[in-house]
Amino acid sequence: MSVCSRCGAPFGCAMADGGDAPCWCTELPPVVPVPGAEAGCWCPACLRAHIAAAASDAALEKRFPRDD
């Protein structure tokens, strides 16, 4: 069992916990860079929220480009 480095919730991570099957996170869209090893794994809820926020930020940036 892993612990989310973002919220502290316990969850299963096949990569960190040594499972044989691919981790659940490999099923999610690769829309954000993988954080460094020091970031640790995030639980499904935190990773999905992060992906949604990143997608929303990208959509806003596309619609309203910054001038700086």
N, C-alpha and C. Protein backbone atom coordinates (compact mmCIF):
# COMPACT_ATOMS: atom_id res chain seq x y z
N MET A 1 0.85 -1.18 0.00
CA MET A 1 0.00 0.00 0.00
C MET A 1 0.90 1.24 0.00
N SER A 2 0.56 2.18 -0.85
CA SER A 2 1.28 3.45 -0.93
C SER A 2 0.49 4.53 -0.21
N VAL A 3 1.15 5.65 0.03
CA VAL A 3 0.50 6.80 0.64
C VAL A 3 0.69 7.98 -0.31
N CYS A 4 -0.39 8.66 -0.64
CA CYS A 4 -0.35 9.79 -1.55
C CYS A 4 0.52 10.90 -0.96
N SER A 5 1.51 11.34 -1.72
CA SER A 5 2.40 12.39 -1.23
C SER A 5 1.73 13.75 -1.28
N ARG A 6 0.55 13.83 -1.85
CA ARG A 6 -0.17 15.10 -1.93
C ARG A 6 -1.20 15.25 -0.80
N CYS A 7 -2.01 14.17 -0.57
CA CYS A 7 -3.09 14.30 0.43
C CYS A 7 -2.96 13.32 1.59
N GLY A 8 -2.08 12.34 1.49
CA GLY A 8 -1.88 11.38 2.57
C GLY A 8 -2.78 10.16 2.55
N ALA A 9 -3.64 10.05 1.53
CA ALA A 9 -4.56 8.90 1.45
C ALA A 9 -3.80 7.63 1.05
N PRO A 10 -4.17 6.50 1.64
CA PRO A 10 -3.56 5.22 1.21
C PRO A 10 -4.20 4.77 -0.11
N PHE A 11 -3.40 4.16 -0.97
CA PHE A 11 -3.90 3.64 -2.24
C PHE A 11 -2.92 2.61 -2.78
N GLY A 12 -3.36 1.83 -3.73
CA GLY A 12 -2.50 0.82 -4.35
C GLY A 12 -1.78 1.37 -5.57
N CYS A 13 -0.47 1.21 -5.62
CA CYS A 13 0.35 1.63 -6.75
C CYS A 13 1.20 0.44 -7.16
N ALA A 14 0.88 -0.15 -8.31
CA ALA A 14 1.59 -1.35 -8.74
C ALA A 14 3.08 -1.09 -8.96
N MET A 15 3.44 0.09 -9.41
CA MET A 15 4.85 0.39 -9.66
C MET A 15 5.63 0.53 -8.35
N ALA A 16 5.09 1.28 -7.43
CA ALA A 16 5.80 1.50 -6.16
C ALA A 16 5.69 0.29 -5.23
N ASP A 17 4.56 -0.41 -5.29
CA ASP A 17 4.33 -1.53 -4.38
C ASP A 17 4.83 -2.86 -4.92
N GLY A 18 5.37 -2.85 -6.15
CA GLY A 18 5.96 -4.06 -6.70
C GLY A 18 4.98 -5.03 -7.32
N GLY A 19 3.88 -4.55 -7.86
CA GLY A 19 2.92 -5.44 -8.51
C GLY A 19 3.39 -5.86 -9.90
N ASP A 20 2.83 -6.92 -10.41
CA ASP A 20 3.18 -7.42 -11.74
C ASP A 20 2.41 -6.72 -12.85
N ALA A 21 1.22 -6.26 -12.56
CA ALA A 21 0.38 -5.60 -13.56
C ALA A 21 0.76 -4.12 -13.68
N PRO A 22 0.42 -3.51 -14.80
CA PRO A 22 0.66 -2.07 -14.92
C PRO A 22 -0.14 -1.30 -13.87
N CYS A 23 0.37 -0.19 -13.46
CA CYS A 23 -0.32 0.63 -12.47
C CYS A 23 -1.58 1.26 -13.08
N TRP A 24 -2.54 1.55 -12.24
CA TRP A 24 -3.80 2.17 -12.67
C TRP A 24 -3.53 3.50 -13.38
N CYS A 25 -2.45 4.18 -13.02
CA CYS A 25 -2.19 5.51 -13.59
C CYS A 25 -1.81 5.45 -15.07
N THR A 26 -1.37 4.28 -15.55
CA THR A 26 -1.02 4.16 -16.96
C THR A 26 -2.26 4.22 -17.85
N GLU A 27 -3.45 4.09 -17.25
CA GLU A 27 -4.70 4.18 -18.01
C GLU A 27 -5.15 5.62 -18.20
N LEU A 28 -4.54 6.56 -17.47
CA LEU A 28 -4.93 7.96 -17.57
C LEU A 28 -4.19 8.63 -18.72
N PRO A 29 -4.75 9.72 -19.24
CA PRO A 29 -4.08 10.41 -20.35
C PRO A 29 -2.77 11.04 -19.89
N PRO A 30 -1.73 10.95 -20.71
CA PRO A 30 -0.43 11.53 -20.35
C PRO A 30 -0.39 13.02 -20.67
N VAL A 31 -1.18 13.80 -19.95
CA VAL A 31 -1.28 15.23 -20.25
C VAL A 31 -0.41 16.11 -19.36
N VAL A 32 0.22 15.53 -18.37
CA VAL A 32 1.08 16.31 -17.49
C VAL A 32 2.43 15.62 -17.40
N PRO A 33 3.50 16.40 -17.22
CA PRO A 33 4.81 15.78 -17.04
C PRO A 33 4.84 14.93 -15.77
N VAL A 34 5.59 13.86 -15.82
CA VAL A 34 5.76 13.02 -14.64
C VAL A 34 6.63 13.79 -13.65
N PRO A 35 6.15 13.97 -12.41
CA PRO A 35 6.97 14.68 -11.43
C PRO A 35 8.23 13.89 -11.09
N GLY A 36 9.22 14.56 -10.56
CA GLY A 36 10.45 13.88 -10.16
C GLY A 36 10.19 12.84 -9.10
N ALA A 37 11.17 11.98 -8.88
CA ALA A 37 11.03 10.88 -7.91
C ALA A 37 10.71 11.41 -6.52
N GLU A 38 11.18 12.60 -6.20
CA GLU A 38 10.92 13.15 -4.87
C GLU A 38 9.45 13.49 -4.66
N ALA A 39 8.68 13.61 -5.74
CA ALA A 39 7.26 13.94 -5.61
C ALA A 39 6.47 12.74 -5.09
N GLY A 40 6.93 11.53 -5.35
CA GLY A 40 6.20 10.34 -4.93
C GLY A 40 4.95 10.13 -5.76
N CYS A 41 4.21 9.11 -5.45
CA CYS A 41 2.98 8.80 -6.18
C CYS A 41 1.80 9.57 -5.58
N TRP A 42 0.85 9.87 -6.45
CA TRP A 42 -0.39 10.50 -6.02
C TRP A 42 -1.52 9.49 -6.13
N CYS A 43 -2.50 9.61 -5.28
CA CYS A 43 -3.67 8.73 -5.31
C CYS A 43 -4.50 9.05 -6.56
N PRO A 44 -5.41 8.16 -6.93
CA PRO A 44 -6.24 8.41 -8.12
C PRO A 44 -6.97 9.76 -8.08
N ALA A 45 -7.53 10.12 -6.94
CA ALA A 45 -8.28 11.38 -6.86
C ALA A 45 -7.38 12.58 -7.10
N CYS A 46 -6.20 12.61 -6.49
CA CYS A 46 -5.29 13.74 -6.64
C CYS A 46 -4.74 13.82 -8.06
N LEU A 47 -4.38 12.68 -8.64
CA LEU A 47 -3.83 12.70 -9.99
C LEU A 47 -4.88 13.12 -11.00
N ARG A 48 -6.10 12.61 -10.85
CA ARG A 48 -7.17 13.01 -11.76
C ARG A 48 -7.48 14.50 -11.63
N ALA A 49 -7.48 15.02 -10.41
CA ALA A 49 -7.72 16.46 -10.20
C ALA A 49 -6.60 17.29 -10.83
N HIS A 50 -5.36 16.83 -10.69
CA HIS A 50 -4.22 17.54 -11.26
C HIS A 50 -4.29 17.55 -12.79
N ILE A 51 -4.66 16.41 -13.38
CA ILE A 51 -4.80 16.32 -14.84
C ILE A 51 -5.91 17.24 -15.32
N ALA A 52 -7.04 17.25 -14.61
CA ALA A 52 -8.16 18.11 -14.98
C ALA A 52 -7.78 19.58 -14.90
N ALA A 53 -7.05 19.96 -13.85
CA ALA A 53 -6.62 21.36 -13.70
C ALA A 53 -5.64 21.74 -14.80
N ALA A 54 -4.71 20.84 -15.13
CA ALA A 54 -3.74 21.12 -16.18
C ALA A 54 -4.43 21.27 -17.54
N ALA A 55 -5.41 20.42 -17.80
CA ALA A 55 -6.15 20.49 -19.06
C ALA A 55 -6.94 21.79 -19.13
N SER A 56 -7.53 22.19 -18.02
CA SER A 56 -8.29 23.43 -17.97
C SER A 56 -7.37 24.63 -18.18
N ASP A 57 -6.20 24.62 -17.54
CA ASP A 57 -5.22 25.69 -17.73
C ASP A 57 -4.78 25.78 -19.18
N ALA A 58 -4.54 24.64 -19.81
CA ALA A 58 -4.11 24.62 -21.22
C ALA A 58 -5.21 25.16 -22.12
N ALA A 59 -6.45 24.80 -21.84
CA ALA A 59 -7.57 25.29 -22.64
C ALA A 59 -7.71 26.80 -22.49
N LEU A 60 -7.57 27.30 -21.27
CA LEU A 60 -7.64 28.75 -21.05
C LEU A 60 -6.51 29.47 -21.77
N GLU A 61 -5.31 28.93 -21.69
CA GLU A 61 -4.16 29.54 -22.33
C GLU A 61 -4.35 29.58 -23.84
N LYS A 62 -4.94 28.54 -24.39
CA LYS A 62 -5.18 28.50 -25.84
C LYS A 62 -6.22 29.54 -26.24
N ARG A 63 -7.23 29.66 -25.40
CA ARG A 63 -8.33 30.59 -25.71
C ARG A 63 -7.94 32.04 -25.44
N PHE A 64 -7.16 32.26 -24.38
CA PHE A 64 -6.76 33.60 -23.99
C PHE A 64 -5.24 33.65 -23.81
N PRO A 65 -4.48 33.72 -24.90
CA PRO A 65 -3.01 33.72 -24.78
C PRO A 65 -2.52 34.91 -23.96
N ARG A 66 -1.45 34.65 -23.23
CA ARG A 66 -0.85 35.72 -22.42
C ARG A 66 0.02 36.60 -23.31
N ASP A 67 0.13 37.86 -22.93
CA ASP A 67 0.92 38.81 -23.71
C ASP A 67 2.35 38.94 -23.23
N ASP A 68 2.68 38.35 -22.09
CA ASP A 68 4.02 38.52 -21.53
C ASP A 68 4.94 37.57 -22.15
